[in-house]
Each structure stands twice: as C-alpha cells, then as structure tokens.
Amino acid sequence: MVMDKHLSILAKQHVETRFVKVHAEKAPFLTEKLRIVVLPTLALVKNTKVEDYVVGFDELGGKDDFSTEDLEERLAKAQVIFLDGEGPAHASKQATKRSVRQSDTGNSSDSE
C-alpha cells in the first residue's frame, strides 16, 4: 500500500511513463517470468526489456516512510522517468549539432 501511494502520485506527474500494477499472487506466470520473489518489487522495463529492479525498501532508506521524491530520484536514475529539464526530447535537442555547411533551411546544396 505504501508503494501504491507513491506510484499513484508519480503516475499523475510523469505521463511519459506507463505505470502498471500487478497483483503478484494472482499472476504467478508473470511473477516467475520477471523473477519477483520479494514484495514489493518494481520491475523497471524499458523497450520491452527489464532494465532494473527496485526490491523492497532497501534502496529507499530501508523503511516504509520514504518520500515520493526518493522514489522519483531512484526511477530517474534508472531513466524510466524524467525530471524537469531532462528527457529524450531535451537530450535530442542537445545532441543535434549543425555543421558549418548546414543551412537554416535544411537545404544541403552549396549553391546560393
């Protein structure tokens, strides 16, 4: 219930990410497939591949009274959510550099 509370808050703030809740005891096939043993476990999936896990509350201070911001930072570290000023749209703008020969119109012709 603690994790559900924090994730429901984050789901409203981070529409770029899909949050899915699965009742582990009612989905044994999925639980086994994702290798979930300890509850709660967050499987952080990116491009159909499990990239990371948040198992229990150990990474969040070891207690169930962690803040939503702590969980948000952990999810941002795994790059499944993006904090303000971050994100794929922001990163692609920085990564796109224009060369000396590239014009503002996108026409790569050398003639004027």
PDB file of N, CA and C in Angstrom:
ATOM      1  N   MET A   1       0.821  -1.196   0.000  1.00  0.00           N
ATOM      2  CA  MET A   1       0.000   0.000   0.000  1.00  0.00           C
ATOM      3  C   MET A   1       0.864   1.260   0.000  1.00  0.00           C
ATOM      4  N   VAL A   2       2.018   1.193   0.648  1.00  0.00           N
ATOM      5  CA  VAL A   2       2.923   2.340   0.698  1.00  0.00           C
ATOM      6  C   VAL A   2       3.436   2.653  -0.706  1.00  0.00           C
ATOM      7  N   MET A   3       3.884   1.619  -1.406  1.00  0.00           N
ATOM      8  CA  MET A   3       4.410   1.802  -2.760  1.00  0.00           C
ATOM      9  C   MET A   3       3.307   2.269  -3.706  1.00  0.00           C
ATOM     10  N   ASP A   4       2.102   1.723  -3.546  1.00  0.00           N
ATOM     11  CA  ASP A   4       0.971   2.131  -4.383  1.00  0.00           C
ATOM     12  C   ASP A   4       0.693   3.623  -4.254  1.00  0.00           C
ATOM     13  N   LYS A   5       0.762   4.131  -3.026  1.00  0.00           N
ATOM     14  CA  LYS A   5       0.508   5.554  -2.772  1.00  0.00           C
ATOM     15  C   LYS A   5       1.515   6.425  -3.521  1.00  0.00           C
ATOM     16  N   HIS A   6       2.795   6.077  -3.403  1.00  0.00           N
ATOM     17  CA  HIS A   6       3.834   6.867  -4.065  1.00  0.00           C
ATOM     18  C   HIS A   6       3.753   6.754  -5.585  1.00  0.00           C
ATOM     19  N   LEU A   7       3.493   5.557  -6.080  1.00  0.00           N
ATOM     20  CA  LEU A   7       3.429   5.364  -7.532  1.00  0.00           C
ATOM     21  C   LEU A   7       2.211   6.051  -8.146  1.00  0.00           C
ATOM     22  N   SER A   8       1.110   6.126  -7.421  1.00  0.00           N
ATOM     23  CA  SER A   8      -0.065   6.826  -7.960  1.00  0.00           C
ATOM     24  C   SER A   8       0.207   8.324  -8.086  1.00  0.00           C
ATOM     25  N   ILE A   9       0.977   8.869  -7.165  1.00  0.00           N
ATOM     26  CA  ILE A   9       1.367  10.281  -7.248  1.00  0.00           C
ATOM     27  C   ILE A   9       2.293  10.498  -8.450  1.00  0.00           C
ATOM     28  N   LEU A  10       3.280   9.613  -8.598  1.00  0.00           N
ATOM     29  CA  LEU A  10       4.239   9.752  -9.703  1.00  0.00           C
ATOM     30  C   LEU A  10       3.593   9.513 -11.063  1.00  0.00           C
ATOM     31  N   ALA A  11       2.614   8.625 -11.124  1.00  0.00           N
ATOM     32  CA  ALA A  11       1.939   8.347 -12.392  1.00  0.00           C
ATOM     33  C   ALA A  11       1.220   9.585 -12.920  1.00  0.00           C
ATOM     34  N   LYS A  12       0.675  10.386 -12.025  1.00  0.00           N
ATOM     35  CA  LYS A  12      -0.005  11.619 -12.434  1.00  0.00           C
ATOM     36  C   LYS A  12       0.982  12.680 -12.896  1.00  0.00           C
ATOM     37  N   GLN A  13       2.187  12.668 -12.334  1.00  0.00           N
ATOM     38  CA  GLN A  13       3.192  13.679 -12.676  1.00  0.00           C
ATOM     39  C   GLN A  13       3.999  13.313 -13.919  1.00  0.00           C
ATOM     40  N   HIS A  14       4.133  12.022 -14.207  1.00  0.00           N
ATOM     41  CA  HIS A  14       5.007  11.560 -15.289  1.00  0.00           C
ATOM     42  C   HIS A  14       4.200  10.779 -16.317  1.00  0.00           C
ATOM     43  N   VAL A  15       3.518  11.516 -17.177  1.00  0.00           N
ATOM     44  CA  VAL A  15       2.682  10.884 -18.201  1.00  0.00           C
ATOM     45  C   VAL A  15       3.515  10.245 -19.313  1.00  0.00           C
ATOM     46  N   GLU A  16       4.813  10.510 -19.348  1.00  0.00           N
ATOM     47  CA  GLU A  16       5.686   9.911 -20.351  1.00  0.00           C
ATOM     48  C   GLU A  16       5.973   8.438 -20.066  1.00  0.00           C
ATOM     49  N   THR A  17       5.605   7.984 -18.885  1.00  0.00           N
ATOM     50  CA  THR A  17       5.892   6.620 -18.440  1.00  0.00           C
ATOM     51  C   THR A  17       4.590   5.893 -18.136  1.00  0.00           C
ATOM     52  N   ARG A  18       4.543   4.635 -18.508  1.00  0.00           N
ATOM     53  CA  ARG A  18       3.372   3.809 -18.202  1.00  0.00           C
ATOM     54  C   ARG A  18       3.638   3.053 -16.903  1.00  0.00           C
ATOM     55  N   PHE A  19       2.733   3.224 -15.959  1.00  0.00           N
ATOM     56  CA  PHE A  19       2.818   2.537 -14.671  1.00  0.00           C
ATOM     57  C   PHE A  19       1.773   1.428 -14.685  1.00  0.00           C
ATOM     58  N   VAL A  20       2.195   0.200 -14.401  1.00  0.00           N
ATOM     59  CA  VAL A  20       1.286  -0.941 -14.394  1.00  0.00           C
ATOM     60  C   VAL A  20       1.410  -1.641 -13.052  1.00  0.00           C
ATOM     61  N   LYS A  21       0.283  -1.883 -12.428  1.00  0.00           N
ATOM     62  CA  LYS A  21       0.253  -2.573 -11.145  1.00  0.00           C
ATOM     63  C   LYS A  21      -0.264  -3.987 -11.379  1.00  0.00           C
ATOM     64  N   VAL A  22       0.486  -4.961 -10.867  1.00  0.00           N
ATOM     65  CA  VAL A  22       0.088  -6.365 -10.991  1.00  0.00           C
ATOM     66  C   VAL A  22       0.061  -6.982  -9.602  1.00  0.00           C
ATOM     67  N   HIS A  23      -1.002  -7.652  -9.274  1.00  0.00           N
ATOM     68  CA  HIS A  23      -1.094  -8.371  -8.014  1.00  0.00           C
ATOM     69  C   HIS A  23      -0.310  -9.667  -8.187  1.00  0.00           C
ATOM     70  N   ALA A  24       0.845  -9.753  -7.544  1.00  0.00           N
ATOM     71  CA  ALA A  24       1.800 -10.849  -7.765  1.00  0.00           C
ATOM     72  C   ALA A  24       1.196 -12.220  -7.474  1.00  0.00           C
ATOM     73  N   GLU A  25       0.390 -12.335  -6.453  1.00  0.00           N
ATOM     74  CA  GLU A  25      -0.184 -13.636  -6.092  1.00  0.00           C
ATOM     75  C   GLU A  25      -1.214 -14.119  -7.104  1.00  0.00           C
ATOM     76  N   LYS A  26      -1.813 -13.187  -7.845  1.00  0.00           N
ATOM     77  CA  LYS A  26      -2.812 -13.555  -8.848  1.00  0.00           C
ATOM     78  C   LYS A  26      -2.207 -13.708 -10.241  1.00  0.00           C
ATOM     79  N   ALA A  27      -0.919 -13.437 -10.378  1.00  0.00           N
ATOM     80  CA  ALA A  27      -0.248 -13.554 -11.678  1.00  0.00           C
ATOM     81  C   ALA A  27       1.056 -14.339 -11.520  1.00  0.00           C
ATOM     82  N   PRO A  28       0.961 -15.624 -11.151  1.00  0.00           N
ATOM     83  CA  PRO A  28       2.181 -16.392 -10.888  1.00  0.00           C
ATOM     84  C   PRO A  28       3.082 -16.546 -12.115  1.00  0.00           C
ATOM     85  N   PHE A  29       2.488 -16.636 -13.298  1.00  0.00           N
ATOM     86  CA  PHE A  29       3.312 -16.762 -14.503  1.00  0.00           C
ATOM     87  C   PHE A  29       4.187 -15.532 -14.690  1.00  0.00           C
ATOM     88  N   LEU A  30       3.588 -14.355 -14.573  1.00  0.00           N
ATOM     89  CA  LEU A  30       4.336 -13.110 -14.742  1.00  0.00           C
ATOM     90  C   LEU A  30       5.355 -12.921 -13.625  1.00  0.00           C
ATOM     91  N   THR A  31       4.974 -13.260 -12.428  1.00  0.00           N
ATOM     92  CA  THR A  31       5.876 -13.148 -11.288  1.00  0.00           C
ATOM     93  C   THR A  31       7.106 -14.032 -11.487  1.00  0.00           C
ATOM     94  N   GLU A  32       6.887 -15.249 -11.956  1.00  0.00           N
ATOM     95  CA  GLU A  32       8.005 -16.164 -12.211  1.00  0.00           C
ATOM     96  C   GLU A  32       8.854 -15.678 -13.378  1.00  0.00           C
ATOM     97  N   LYS A  33       8.206 -15.216 -14.423  1.00  0.00           N
ATOM     98  CA  LYS A  33       8.911 -14.733 -15.620  1.00  0.00           C
ATOM     99  C   LYS A  33       9.805 -13.529 -15.294  1.00  0.00           C
ATOM    100  N   LEU A  34       9.321 -12.625 -14.432  1.00  0.00           N
ATOM    101  CA  LEU A  34      10.093 -11.442 -14.045  1.00  0.00           C
ATOM    102  C   LEU A  34      11.016 -11.706 -12.859  1.00  0.00           C
ATOM    103  N   ARG A  35      10.998 -12.922 -12.338  1.00  0.00           N
ATOM    104  CA  ARG A  35      11.839 -13.335 -11.206  1.00  0.00           C
ATOM    105  C   ARG A  35      11.590 -12.472  -9.968  1.00  0.00           C
ATOM    106  N   ILE A  36      10.335 -12.264  -9.655  1.00  0.00           N
ATOM    107  CA  ILE A  36       9.954 -11.479  -8.486  1.00  0.00           C
ATOM    108  C   ILE A  36       9.759 -12.421  -7.312  1.00  0.00           C
ATOM    109  N   VAL A  37      10.533 -12.200  -6.245  1.00  0.00           N
ATOM    110  CA  VAL A  37      10.472 -13.042  -5.057  1.00  0.00           C
ATOM    111  C   VAL A  37      10.048 -12.217  -3.841  1.00  0.00           C
ATOM    112  N   VAL A  38      10.627 -11.031  -3.697  1.00  0.00           N
ATOM    113  CA  VAL A  38      10.363 -10.151  -2.560  1.00  0.00           C
ATOM    114  C   VAL A  38       9.288  -9.140  -2.955  1.00  0.00           C
ATOM    115  N   LEU A  39       8.361  -8.890  -2.028  1.00  0.00           N
ATOM    116  CA  LEU A  39       7.339  -7.874  -2.279  1.00  0.00           C
ATOM    117  C   LEU A  39       7.561  -6.712  -1.328  1.00  0.00           C
ATOM    118  N   PRO A  40       7.479  -5.492  -1.741  1.00  0.00           N
ATOM    119  CA  PRO A  40       7.201  -5.065  -3.105  1.00  0.00           C
ATOM    120  C   PRO A  40       8.460  -5.084  -3.976  1.00  0.00           C
ATOM    121  N   THR A  41       8.267  -5.343  -5.249  1.00  0.00           N
ATOM    122  CA  THR A  41       9.343  -5.266  -6.231  1.00  0.00           C
ATOM    123  C   THR A  41       8.841  -4.473  -7.413  1.00  0.00           C
ATOM    124  N   LEU A  42       9.621  -3.478  -7.817  1.00  0.00           N
ATOM    125  CA  LEU A  42       9.318  -2.721  -9.030  1.00  0.00           C
ATOM    126  C   LEU A  42      10.236  -3.233 -10.131  1.00  0.00           C
ATOM    127  N   ALA A  43       9.657  -3.754 -11.180  1.00  0.00           N
ATOM    128  CA  ALA A  43      10.428  -4.138 -12.354  1.00  0.00           C
ATOM    129  C   ALA A  43      10.433  -2.929 -13.280  1.00  0.00           C
ATOM    130  N   LEU A  44      11.600  -2.394 -13.553  1.00  0.00           N
ATOM    131  CA  LEU A  44      11.721  -1.197 -14.384  1.00  0.00           C
ATOM    132  C   LEU A  44      11.999  -1.652 -15.811  1.00  0.00           C
ATOM    133  N   VAL A  45      10.982  -1.569 -16.652  1.00  0.00           N
ATOM    134  CA  VAL A  45      11.032  -2.088 -18.005  1.00  0.00           C
ATOM    135  C   VAL A  45      11.177  -0.933 -18.985  1.00  0.00           C
ATOM    136  N   LYS A  46      12.090  -1.110 -19.923  1.00  0.00           N
ATOM    137  CA  LYS A  46      12.342  -0.082 -20.927  1.00  0.00           C
ATOM    138  C   LYS A  46      12.519  -0.782 -22.274  1.00  0.00           C
ATOM    139  N   ASN A  47      11.723  -0.401 -23.247  1.00  0.00           N
ATOM    140  CA  ASN A  47      11.757  -1.019 -24.577  1.00  0.00           C
ATOM    141  C   ASN A  47      11.593  -2.533 -24.491  1.00  0.00           C
ATOM    142  N   THR A  48      10.603  -2.987 -23.776  1.00  0.00           N
ATOM    143  CA  THR A  48      10.233  -4.388 -23.574  1.00  0.00           C
ATOM    144  C   THR A  48      11.297  -5.237 -22.876  1.00  0.00           C
ATOM    145  N   LYS A  49      12.277  -4.619 -22.255  1.00  0.00           N
ATOM    146  CA  LYS A  49      13.333  -5.346 -21.557  1.00  0.00           C
ATOM    147  C   LYS A  49      13.428  -4.832 -20.123  1.00  0.00           C
ATOM    148  N   VAL A  50      13.524  -5.758 -19.166  1.00  0.00           N
ATOM    149  CA  VAL A  50      13.688  -5.363 -17.771  1.00  0.00           C
ATOM    150  C   VAL A  50      15.098  -4.814 -17.598  1.00  0.00           C
ATOM    151  N   GLU A  51      15.179  -3.539 -17.276  1.00  0.00           N
ATOM    152  CA  GLU A  51      16.473  -2.863 -17.133  1.00  0.00           C
ATOM    153  C   GLU A  51      16.993  -2.912 -15.695  1.00  0.00           C
ATOM    154  N   ASP A  52      16.065  -2.873 -14.732  1.00  0.00           N
ATOM    155  CA  ASP A  52      16.479  -2.773 -13.338  1.00  0.00           C
ATOM    156  C   ASP A  52      15.318  -3.191 -12.440  1.00  0.00           C
ATOM    157  N   TYR A  53      15.617  -3.426 -11.181  1.00  0.00           N
ATOM    158  CA  TYR A  53      14.607  -3.751 -10.179  1.00  0.00           C
ATOM    159  C   TYR A  53      14.812  -2.858  -8.964  1.00  0.00           C
ATOM    160  N   VAL A  54      13.710  -2.483  -8.335  1.00  0.00           N
ATOM    161  CA  VAL A  54      13.750  -1.876  -7.004  1.00  0.00           C
ATOM    162  C   VAL A  54      13.088  -2.905  -6.097  1.00  0.00           C
ATOM    163  N   VAL A  55      13.908  -3.567  -5.287  1.00  0.00           N
ATOM    164  CA  VAL A  55      13.440  -4.680  -4.461  1.00  0.00           C
ATOM    165  C   VAL A  55      13.282  -4.204  -3.024  1.00  0.00           C
ATOM    166  N   GLY A  56      12.072  -4.336  -2.518  1.00  0.00           N
ATOM    167  CA  GLY A  56      11.792  -3.936  -1.146  1.00  0.00           C
ATOM    168  C   GLY A  56      12.003  -2.440  -0.939  1.00  0.00           C
ATOM    169  N   PHE A  57      12.378  -2.080   0.278  1.00  0.00           N
ATOM    170  CA  PHE A  57      12.590  -0.670   0.612  1.00  0.00           C
ATOM    171  C   PHE A  57      14.058  -0.358   0.873  1.00  0.00           C
ATOM    172  N   ASP A  58      14.952  -1.320   0.622  1.00  0.00           N
ATOM    173  CA  ASP A  58      16.374  -1.138   0.939  1.00  0.00           C
ATOM    174  C   ASP A  58      16.979   0.073   0.236  1.00  0.00           C
ATOM    175  N   GLU A  59      16.692   0.245  -1.036  1.00  0.00           N
ATOM    176  CA  GLU A  59      17.269   1.358  -1.799  1.00  0.00           C
ATOM    177  C   GLU A  59      16.594   2.691  -1.487  1.00  0.00           C
ATOM    178  N   LEU A  60      15.515   2.640  -0.739  1.00  0.00           N
ATOM    179  CA  LEU A  60      14.746   3.846  -0.429  1.00  0.00           C
ATOM    180  C   LEU A  60      14.851   4.220   1.046  1.00  0.00           C
ATOM    181  N   GLY A  61      15.912   3.796   1.685  1.00  0.00           N
ATOM    182  CA  GLY A  61      16.143   4.137   3.077  1.00  0.00           C
ATOM    183  C   GLY A  61      15.921   2.992   4.041  1.00  0.00           C
ATOM    184  N   GLY A  62      15.423   1.867   3.562  1.00  0.00           N
ATOM    185  CA  GLY A  62      15.239   0.709   4.423  1.00  0.00           C
ATOM    186  C   GLY A  62      13.982   0.723   5.265  1.00  0.00           C
ATOM    187  N   LYS A  63      13.194   1.787   5.174  1.00  0.00           N
ATOM    188  CA  LYS A  63      11.952   1.899   5.937  1.00  0.00           C
ATOM    189  C   LYS A  63      10.822   2.232   4.984  1.00  0.00           C
ATOM    190  N   ASP A  64       9.591   2.008   5.454  1.00  0.00           N
ATOM    191  CA  ASP A  64       8.447   2.295   4.592  1.00  0.00           C
ATOM    192  C   ASP A  64       7.970   3.748   4.677  1.00  0.00           C
ATOM    193  N   ASP A  65       8.737   4.607   5.358  1.00  0.00           N
ATOM    194  CA  ASP A  65       8.356   6.018   5.460  1.00  0.00           C
ATOM    195  C   ASP A  65       9.195   6.914   4.539  1.00  0.00           C
ATOM    196  N   PHE A  66       9.650   6.360   3.405  1.00  0.00           N
ATOM    197  CA  PHE A  66      10.425   7.151   2.452  1.00  0.00           C
ATOM    198  C   PHE A  66       9.517   8.150   1.737  1.00  0.00           C
ATOM    199  N   SER A  67      10.130   9.156   1.147  1.00  0.00           N
ATOM    200  CA  SER A  67       9.339  10.192   0.465  1.00  0.00           C
ATOM    201  C   SER A  67       9.126   9.821  -0.999  1.00  0.00           C
ATOM    202  N   THR A  68       8.123  10.424  -1.582  1.00  0.00           N
ATOM    203  CA  THR A  68       7.856  10.220  -3.006  1.00  0.00           C
ATOM    204  C   THR A  68       9.036  10.714  -3.827  1.00  0.00           C
ATOM    205  N   GLU A  69       9.707  11.759  -3.363  1.00  0.00           N
ATOM    206  CA  GLU A  69      10.872  12.300  -4.061  1.00  0.00           C
ATOM    207  C   GLU A  69      12.017  11.298  -4.097  1.00  0.00           C
ATOM    208  N   ASP A  70      12.180  10.507  -3.029  1.00  0.00           N
ATOM    209  CA  ASP A  70      13.213   9.469  -3.013  1.00  0.00           C
ATOM    210  C   ASP A  70      12.950   8.433  -4.106  1.00  0.00           C
ATOM    211  N   LEU A  71      11.698   8.009  -4.214  1.00  0.00           N
ATOM    212  CA  LEU A  71      11.336   7.041  -5.249  1.00  0.00           C
ATOM    213  C   LEU A  71      11.477   7.655  -6.638  1.00  0.00           C
ATOM    214  N   GLU A  72      11.097   8.921  -6.762  1.00  0.00           N
ATOM    215  CA  GLU A  72      11.212   9.617  -8.042  1.00  0.00           C
ATOM    216  C   GLU A  72      12.672   9.691  -8.499  1.00  0.00           C
ATOM    217  N   GLU A  73      13.571  10.000  -7.575  1.00  0.00           N
ATOM    218  CA  GLU A  73      15.000  10.055  -7.905  1.00  0.00           C
ATOM    219  C   GLU A  73      15.528   8.684  -8.320  1.00  0.00           C
ATOM    220  N   ARG A  74      15.062   7.635  -7.633  1.00  0.00           N
ATOM    221  CA  ARG A  74      15.515   6.276  -7.979  1.00  0.00           C
ATOM    222  C   ARG A  74      15.045   5.878  -9.368  1.00  0.00           C
ATOM    223  N   LEU A  75      13.799   6.226  -9.723  1.00  0.00           N
ATOM    224  CA  LEU A  75      13.272   5.912 -11.049  1.00  0.00           C
ATOM    225  C   LEU A  75      13.952   6.753 -12.127  1.00  0.00           C
ATOM    226  N   ALA A  76      14.291   7.991 -11.793  1.00  0.00           N
ATOM    227  CA  ALA A  76      15.004   8.853 -12.737  1.00  0.00           C
ATOM    228  C   ALA A  76      16.421   8.334 -12.974  1.00  0.00           C
ATOM    229  N   LYS A  77      17.039   7.802 -11.934  1.00  0.00           N
ATOM    230  CA  LYS A  77      18.380   7.222 -12.052  1.00  0.00           C
ATOM    231  C   LYS A  77      18.377   6.065 -13.056  1.00  0.00           C
ATOM    232  N   ALA A  78      17.297   5.296 -13.054  1.00  0.00           N
ATOM    233  CA  ALA A  78      17.143   4.178 -13.995  1.00  0.00           C
ATOM    234  C   ALA A  78      16.630   4.640 -15.358  1.00  0.00           C
ATOM    235  N   GLN A  79      16.356   5.919 -15.492  1.00  0.00           N
ATOM    236  CA  GLN A  79      15.893   6.556 -16.724  1.00  0.00           C
ATOM    237  C   GLN A  79      14.555   5.996 -17.227  1.00  0.00           C
ATOM    238  N   VAL A  80      13.661   5.674 -16.300  1.00  0.00           N
ATOM    239  CA  VAL A  80      12.316   5.282 -16.694  1.00  0.00           C
ATOM    240  C   VAL A  80      11.335   6.440 -16.524  1.00  0.00           C
ATOM    241  N   ILE A  81      11.742   7.455 -15.762  1.00  0.00           N
ATOM    242  CA  ILE A  81      11.020   8.733 -15.722  1.00  0.00           C
ATOM    243  C   ILE A  81      12.056   9.829 -15.901  1.00  0.00           C
ATOM    244  N   PHE A  82      11.589  11.005 -16.244  1.00  0.00           N
ATOM    245  CA  PHE A  82      12.490  12.122 -16.482  1.00  0.00           C
ATOM    246  C   PHE A  82      12.089  13.297 -15.617  1.00  0.00           C
ATOM    247  N   LEU A  83      13.069  13.838 -14.917  1.00  0.00           N
ATOM    248  CA  LEU A  83      12.831  15.008 -14.082  1.00  0.00           C
ATOM    249  C   LEU A  83      12.783  16.247 -14.959  1.00  0.00           C
ATOM    250  N   ASP A  84      12.374  17.380 -14.420  1.00  0.00           N
ATOM    251  CA  ASP A  84      12.277  18.625 -15.185  1.00  0.00           C
ATOM    252  C   ASP A  84      13.607  18.955 -15.849  1.00  0.00           C
ATOM    253  N   GLY A  85      13.551  19.305 -17.130  1.00  0.00           N
ATOM    254  CA  GLY A  85      14.762  19.668 -17.865  1.00  0.00           C
ATOM    255  C   GLY A  85      15.496  18.477 -18.430  1.00  0.00           C
ATOM    256  N   GLU A  86      15.001  17.289 -18.180  1.00  0.00           N
ATOM    257  CA  GLU A  86      15.611  16.081 -18.715  1.00  0.00           C
ATOM    258  C   GLU A  86      14.650  15.465 -19.717  1.00  0.00           C
ATOM    259  N   GLY A  87      15.035  14.342 -20.250  1.00  0.00           N
ATOM    260  CA  GLY A  87      14.127  13.597 -21.106  1.00  0.00           C
ATOM    261  C   GLY A  87      14.669  13.417 -22.498  1.00  0.00           C
ATOM    262  N   PRO A  88      14.049  12.524 -23.245  1.00  0.00           N
ATOM    263  CA  PRO A  88      14.524  12.237 -24.592  1.00  0.00           C
ATOM    264  C   PRO A  88      14.395  13.428 -25.532  1.00  0.00           C
ATOM    265  N   ALA A  89      13.359  14.226 -25.394  1.00  0.00           N
ATOM    266  CA  ALA A  89      13.204  15.395 -26.262  1.00  0.00           C
ATOM    267  C   ALA A  89      14.284  16.422 -25.979  1.00  0.00           C
ATOM    268  N   HIS A  90      14.585  16.636 -24.698  1.00  0.00           N
ATOM    269  CA  HIS A  90      15.609  17.599 -24.304  1.00  0.00           C
ATOM    270  C   HIS A  90      16.991  17.119 -24.728  1.00  0.00           C
ATOM    271  N   ALA A  91      17.272  15.836 -24.570  1.00  0.00           N
ATOM    272  CA  ALA A  91      18.577  15.271 -24.915  1.00  0.00           C
ATOM    273  C   ALA A  91      18.818  15.308 -26.418  1.00  0.00           C
ATOM    274  N   SER A  92      17.784  15.051 -27.216  1.00  0.00           N
ATOM    275  CA  SER A  92      17.974  15.037 -28.663  1.00  0.00           C
ATOM    276  C   SER A  92      18.238  16.442 -29.196  1.00  0.00           C
ATOM    277  N   LYS A  93      17.695  17.463 -28.550  1.00  0.00           N
ATOM    278  CA  LYS A  93      17.974  18.833 -28.977  1.00  0.00           C
ATOM    279  C   LYS A  93      19.431  19.184 -28.725  1.00  0.00           C
ATOM    280  N   GLN A  94      19.968  18.713 -27.603  1.00  0.00           N
ATOM    281  CA  GLN A  94      21.362  18.988 -27.306  1.00  0.00           C
ATOM    282  C   GLN A  94      22.291  18.175 -28.193  1.00  0.00           C
ATOM    283  N   ALA A  95      21.902  16.959 -28.538  1.00  0.00           N
ATOM    284  CA  ALA A  95      22.763  16.077 -29.317  1.00  0.00           C
ATOM    285  C   ALA A  95      22.824  16.484 -30.785  1.00  0.00           C
ATOM    286  N   THR A  96      21.823  17.200 -31.266  1.00  0.00           N
ATOM    287  CA  THR A  96      21.794  17.608 -32.663  1.00  0.00           C
ATOM    288  C   THR A  96      22.633  18.866 -32.826  1.00  0.00           C
ATOM    289  N   LYS A  97      23.766  18.718 -33.488  1.00  0.00           N
ATOM    290  CA  LYS A  97      24.625  19.862 -33.752  1.00  0.00           C
ATOM    291  C   LYS A  97      24.660  20.104 -35.250  1.00  0.00           C
ATOM    292  N   ARG A  98      24.633  21.338 -35.601  1.00  0.00           N
ATOM    293  CA  ARG A  98      24.679  21.691 -37.010  1.00  0.00           C
ATOM    294  C   ARG A  98      26.121  21.858 -37.440  1.00  0.00           C
ATOM    295  N   SER A  99      26.394  21.430 -38.651  1.00  0.00           N
ATOM    296  CA  SER A  99      27.738  21.610 -39.194  1.00  0.00           C
ATOM    297  C   SER A  99      27.840  22.987 -39.828  1.00  0.00           C
ATOM    298  N   VAL A 100      29.034  23.360 -40.231  1.00  0.00           N
ATOM    299  CA  VAL A 100      29.274  24.665 -40.829  1.00  0.00           C
ATOM    300  C   VAL A 100      28.525  24.783 -42.155  1.00  0.00           C
ATOM    301  N   ARG A 101      28.435  23.713 -42.909  1.00  0.00           N
ATOM    302  CA  ARG A 101      27.789  23.742 -44.230  1.00  0.00           C
ATOM    303  C   ARG A 101      26.277  23.618 -44.169  1.00  0.00           C
ATOM    304  N   GLN A 102      25.721  23.299 -43.042  1.00  0.00           N
ATOM    305  CA  GLN A 102      24.279  23.110 -42.946  1.00  0.00           C
ATOM    306  C   GLN A 102      23.600  24.464 -42.799  1.00  0.00           C
ATOM    307  N   SER A 103      22.604  24.707 -43.625  1.00  0.00           N
ATOM    308  CA  SER A 103      21.902  25.987 -43.574  1.00  0.00           C
ATOM    309  C   SER A 103      20.690  25.895 -42.658  1.00  0.00           C
ATOM    310  N   ASP A 104      20.080  27.033 -42.403  1.00  0.00           N
ATOM    311  CA  ASP A 104      18.898  27.073 -41.548  1.00  0.00           C
ATOM    312  C   ASP A 104      17.709  26.397 -42.221  1.00  0.00           C
ATOM    313  N   THR A 105      17.655  26.389 -43.542  1.00  0.00           N
ATOM    314  CA  THR A 105      16.519  25.826 -44.259  1.00  0.00           C
ATOM    315  C   THR A 105      16.608  24.323 -44.406  1.00  0.00           C
ATOM    316  N   GLY A 106      17.755  23.726 -44.129  1.00  0.00           N
ATOM    317  CA  GLY A 106      17.883  22.295 -44.254  1.00  0.00           C
ATOM    318  C   GLY A 106      18.336  21.871 -45.644  1.00  0.00           C
ATOM    319  N   ASN A 107      18.480  22.814 -46.561  1.00  0.00           N
ATOM    320  CA  ASN A 107      18.936  22.508 -47.909  1.00  0.00           C
ATOM    321  C   ASN A 107      20.451  22.370 -47.870  1.00  0.00           C
ATOM    322  N   SER A 108      20.969  21.206 -48.254  1.00  0.00           N
ATOM    323  CA  SER A 108      22.387  20.952 -48.134  1.00  0.00           C
ATOM    324  C   SER A 108      23.172  21.349 -49.391  1.00  0.00           C
ATOM    325  N   SER A 109      22.533  21.997 -50.299  1.00  0.00           N
ATOM    326  CA  SER A 109      23.201  22.400 -51.528  1.00  0.00           C
ATOM    327  C   SER A 109      24.195  23.539 -51.241  1.00  0.00           C
ATOM    328  N   ASP A 110      25.344  23.504 -51.937  1.00  0.00           N
ATOM    329  CA  ASP A 110      26.337  24.551 -51.753  1.00  0.00           C
ATOM    330  C   ASP A 110      26.029  25.799 -52.567  1.00  0.00           C
ATOM    331  N   SER A 111      25.155  25.679 -53.534  1.00  0.00           N
ATOM    332  CA  SER A 111      24.839  26.852 -54.384  1.00  0.00           C
ATOM    333  C   SER A 111      23.894  27.774 -53.645  1.00  0.00           C
ATOM    334  N   GLU A 112      24.040  29.069 -53.963  1.00  0.00           N
ATOM    335  CA  GLU A 112      23.184  30.059 -53.303  1.00  0.00           C
ATOM    336  C   GLU A 112      22.139  30.439 -54.242  1.00  0.00           C
TER     337      GLU A 112
END
